[in-house]
Amino acid sequence: MKQIKQVLTRYKSQYAAAKANEVTATQLDRLILVGALVDDEGQVWIKSKTVLIDCVTGKPRP
């Protein structure tokens, strides 16, 4: 997977990237700020703030 910022370098501007990918410039900016990743199929992945807790140990899962 690659950082979304790296994937979008082929566009002249962030606005052009947003228009070409049919998302708003605001949404694209948010994805860049959170460090979204893009897989080989173009699917965007973002890290969740949700932490899963192991019900046995009571500690966050790795």
N, C-alpha and C. Protein backbone atom coordinates (compact mmCIF):
# COMPACT_ATOMS: atom_id res chain seq x y z
N MET A 1 0.84 -1.18 0.00
CA MET A 1 0.00 0.00 0.00
C MET A 1 0.88 1.24 0.00
N LYS A 2 0.35 2.29 -0.59
CA LYS A 2 1.08 3.55 -0.69
C LYS A 2 0.30 4.66 0.01
N GLN A 3 1.03 5.65 0.50
CA GLN A 3 0.39 6.83 1.07
C GLN A 3 -0.42 7.53 -0.01
N ILE A 4 -1.59 8.03 0.32
CA ILE A 4 -2.45 8.70 -0.66
C ILE A 4 -1.74 9.92 -1.25
N LYS A 5 -0.95 10.59 -0.44
CA LYS A 5 -0.22 11.76 -0.91
C LYS A 5 0.73 11.38 -2.04
N GLN A 6 1.36 10.21 -1.93
CA GLN A 6 2.28 9.73 -2.96
C GLN A 6 1.52 9.38 -4.24
N VAL A 7 0.35 8.78 -4.09
CA VAL A 7 -0.45 8.39 -5.25
C VAL A 7 -0.93 9.62 -6.03
N LEU A 8 -1.23 10.69 -5.32
CA LEU A 8 -1.80 11.89 -5.95
C LEU A 8 -0.76 12.82 -6.56
N THR A 9 0.51 12.50 -6.48
CA THR A 9 1.55 13.38 -7.03
C THR A 9 1.47 13.51 -8.54
N ARG A 10 0.80 12.61 -9.22
CA ARG A 10 0.70 12.69 -10.67
C ARG A 10 -0.25 13.80 -11.15
N TYR A 11 -1.04 14.35 -10.23
CA TYR A 11 -1.98 15.42 -10.58
C TYR A 11 -1.33 16.78 -10.37
N LYS A 12 -1.77 17.76 -11.16
CA LYS A 12 -1.24 19.12 -11.08
C LYS A 12 -1.53 19.78 -9.74
N SER A 13 -2.70 19.51 -9.20
CA SER A 13 -3.09 20.12 -7.94
C SER A 13 -4.01 19.17 -7.18
N GLN A 14 -4.24 19.50 -5.94
CA GLN A 14 -5.14 18.70 -5.12
C GLN A 14 -6.56 18.80 -5.67
N TYR A 15 -6.92 19.99 -6.17
CA TYR A 15 -8.25 20.16 -6.76
C TYR A 15 -8.41 19.26 -7.99
N ALA A 16 -7.39 19.20 -8.83
CA ALA A 16 -7.44 18.35 -10.03
C ALA A 16 -7.55 16.88 -9.64
N ALA A 17 -6.85 16.49 -8.60
CA ALA A 17 -6.91 15.10 -8.11
C ALA A 17 -8.31 14.78 -7.60
N ALA A 18 -8.90 15.71 -6.87
CA ALA A 18 -10.25 15.51 -6.34
C ALA A 18 -11.26 15.37 -7.48
N LYS A 19 -11.15 16.23 -8.46
CA LYS A 19 -12.07 16.20 -9.58
C LYS A 19 -11.93 14.90 -10.38
N ALA A 20 -10.69 14.47 -10.61
CA ALA A 20 -10.45 13.25 -11.38
C ALA A 20 -10.95 12.00 -10.65
N ASN A 21 -10.93 12.04 -9.32
CA ASN A 21 -11.34 10.89 -8.52
C ASN A 21 -12.75 10.99 -7.99
N GLU A 22 -13.46 12.03 -8.42
CA GLU A 22 -14.87 12.25 -8.08
C GLU A 22 -15.12 12.28 -6.57
N VAL A 23 -14.26 13.02 -5.85
CA VAL A 23 -14.46 13.30 -4.43
C VAL A 23 -14.30 14.80 -4.24
N THR A 24 -14.80 15.31 -3.13
CA THR A 24 -14.64 16.73 -2.88
C THR A 24 -13.20 17.01 -2.46
N ALA A 25 -12.75 18.22 -2.72
CA ALA A 25 -11.40 18.62 -2.32
C ALA A 25 -11.25 18.56 -0.80
N THR A 26 -12.33 18.86 -0.09
CA THR A 26 -12.31 18.80 1.38
C THR A 26 -12.09 17.37 1.86
N GLN A 27 -12.79 16.41 1.26
CA GLN A 27 -12.62 15.01 1.65
C GLN A 27 -11.21 14.54 1.33
N LEU A 28 -10.70 14.92 0.19
CA LEU A 28 -9.34 14.53 -0.18
C LEU A 28 -8.33 15.11 0.80
N ASP A 29 -8.54 16.34 1.20
CA ASP A 29 -7.66 16.98 2.19
C ASP A 29 -7.69 16.22 3.50
N ARG A 30 -8.86 15.80 3.94
CA ARG A 30 -8.99 15.02 5.18
C ARG A 30 -8.24 13.69 5.07
N LEU A 31 -8.36 13.02 3.93
CA LEU A 31 -7.67 11.75 3.74
C LEU A 31 -6.15 11.93 3.78
N ILE A 32 -5.67 13.02 3.23
CA ILE A 32 -4.24 13.31 3.27
C ILE A 32 -3.79 13.59 4.70
N LEU A 33 -4.58 14.36 5.43
CA LEU A 33 -4.22 14.72 6.81
C LEU A 33 -4.15 13.52 7.74
N VAL A 34 -5.02 12.52 7.54
CA VAL A 34 -5.00 11.35 8.42
C VAL A 34 -4.04 10.28 7.94
N GLY A 35 -3.36 10.53 6.83
CA GLY A 35 -2.37 9.57 6.33
C GLY A 35 -2.99 8.33 5.71
N ALA A 36 -4.07 8.51 4.97
CA ALA A 36 -4.75 7.38 4.34
C ALA A 36 -3.81 6.62 3.40
N LEU A 37 -4.08 5.34 3.28
CA LEU A 37 -3.31 4.48 2.39
C LEU A 37 -4.19 4.04 1.24
N VAL A 38 -3.57 3.74 0.10
CA VAL A 38 -4.30 3.27 -1.07
C VAL A 38 -3.69 1.93 -1.49
N ASP A 39 -4.55 0.90 -1.66
CA ASP A 39 -4.04 -0.40 -2.08
C ASP A 39 -3.94 -0.47 -3.60
N ASP A 40 -3.50 -1.61 -4.12
CA ASP A 40 -3.29 -1.78 -5.56
C ASP A 40 -4.57 -1.66 -6.38
N GLU A 41 -5.72 -1.87 -5.74
CA GLU A 41 -7.00 -1.78 -6.43
C GLU A 41 -7.62 -0.38 -6.34
N GLY A 42 -6.94 0.54 -5.64
CA GLY A 42 -7.44 1.89 -5.50
C GLY A 42 -8.32 2.11 -4.29
N GLN A 43 -8.48 1.09 -3.46
CA GLN A 43 -9.28 1.19 -2.24
C GLN A 43 -8.53 2.04 -1.20
N VAL A 44 -9.22 2.98 -0.59
CA VAL A 44 -8.61 3.86 0.41
C VAL A 44 -8.81 3.27 1.80
N TRP A 45 -7.74 3.26 2.59
CA TRP A 45 -7.76 2.72 3.95
C TRP A 45 -7.31 3.80 4.91
N ILE A 46 -8.03 3.96 6.02
CA ILE A 46 -7.61 4.90 7.06
C ILE A 46 -7.55 4.17 8.38
N LYS A 47 -6.64 4.61 9.23
CA LYS A 47 -6.51 4.01 10.54
C LYS A 47 -7.65 4.51 11.42
N SER A 48 -8.30 3.59 12.09
CA SER A 48 -9.41 3.93 12.97
C SER A 48 -8.88 4.37 14.33
N LYS A 49 -9.64 5.21 15.01
CA LYS A 49 -9.28 5.61 16.36
C LYS A 49 -9.81 4.59 17.38
N THR A 50 -10.62 3.65 16.90
CA THR A 50 -11.18 2.62 17.77
C THR A 50 -10.10 1.63 18.16
N VAL A 51 -10.02 1.32 19.43
CA VAL A 51 -9.06 0.35 19.93
C VAL A 51 -9.84 -0.85 20.47
N LEU A 52 -9.53 -2.02 19.96
CA LEU A 52 -10.20 -3.23 20.42
C LEU A 52 -9.49 -3.74 21.67
N ILE A 53 -10.27 -4.08 22.68
CA ILE A 53 -9.74 -4.56 23.95
C ILE A 53 -9.96 -6.07 24.04
N ASP A 54 -8.91 -6.78 24.40
CA ASP A 54 -9.01 -8.22 24.61
C ASP A 54 -9.86 -8.48 25.84
N CYS A 55 -10.93 -9.25 25.69
CA CYS A 55 -11.85 -9.47 26.81
C CYS A 55 -11.24 -10.33 27.91
N VAL A 56 -10.19 -11.05 27.63
CA VAL A 56 -9.56 -11.90 28.64
C VAL A 56 -8.53 -11.11 29.45
N THR A 57 -7.65 -10.39 28.74
CA THR A 57 -6.56 -9.67 29.43
C THR A 57 -6.94 -8.25 29.80
N GLY A 58 -7.92 -7.67 29.10
CA GLY A 58 -8.30 -6.29 29.35
C GLY A 58 -7.34 -5.29 28.74
N LYS A 59 -6.42 -5.76 27.91
CA LYS A 59 -5.42 -4.89 27.27
C LYS A 59 -5.76 -4.74 25.79
N PRO A 60 -5.29 -3.65 25.17
CA PRO A 60 -5.51 -3.47 23.73
C PRO A 60 -4.90 -4.62 22.94
N ARG A 61 -5.60 -5.03 21.91
CA ARG A 61 -5.08 -6.09 21.05
C ARG A 61 -3.99 -5.52 20.14
N PRO A 62 -3.00 -6.34 19.83
CA PRO A 62 -1.90 -5.86 18.95
C PRO A 62 -2.36 -5.67 17.53
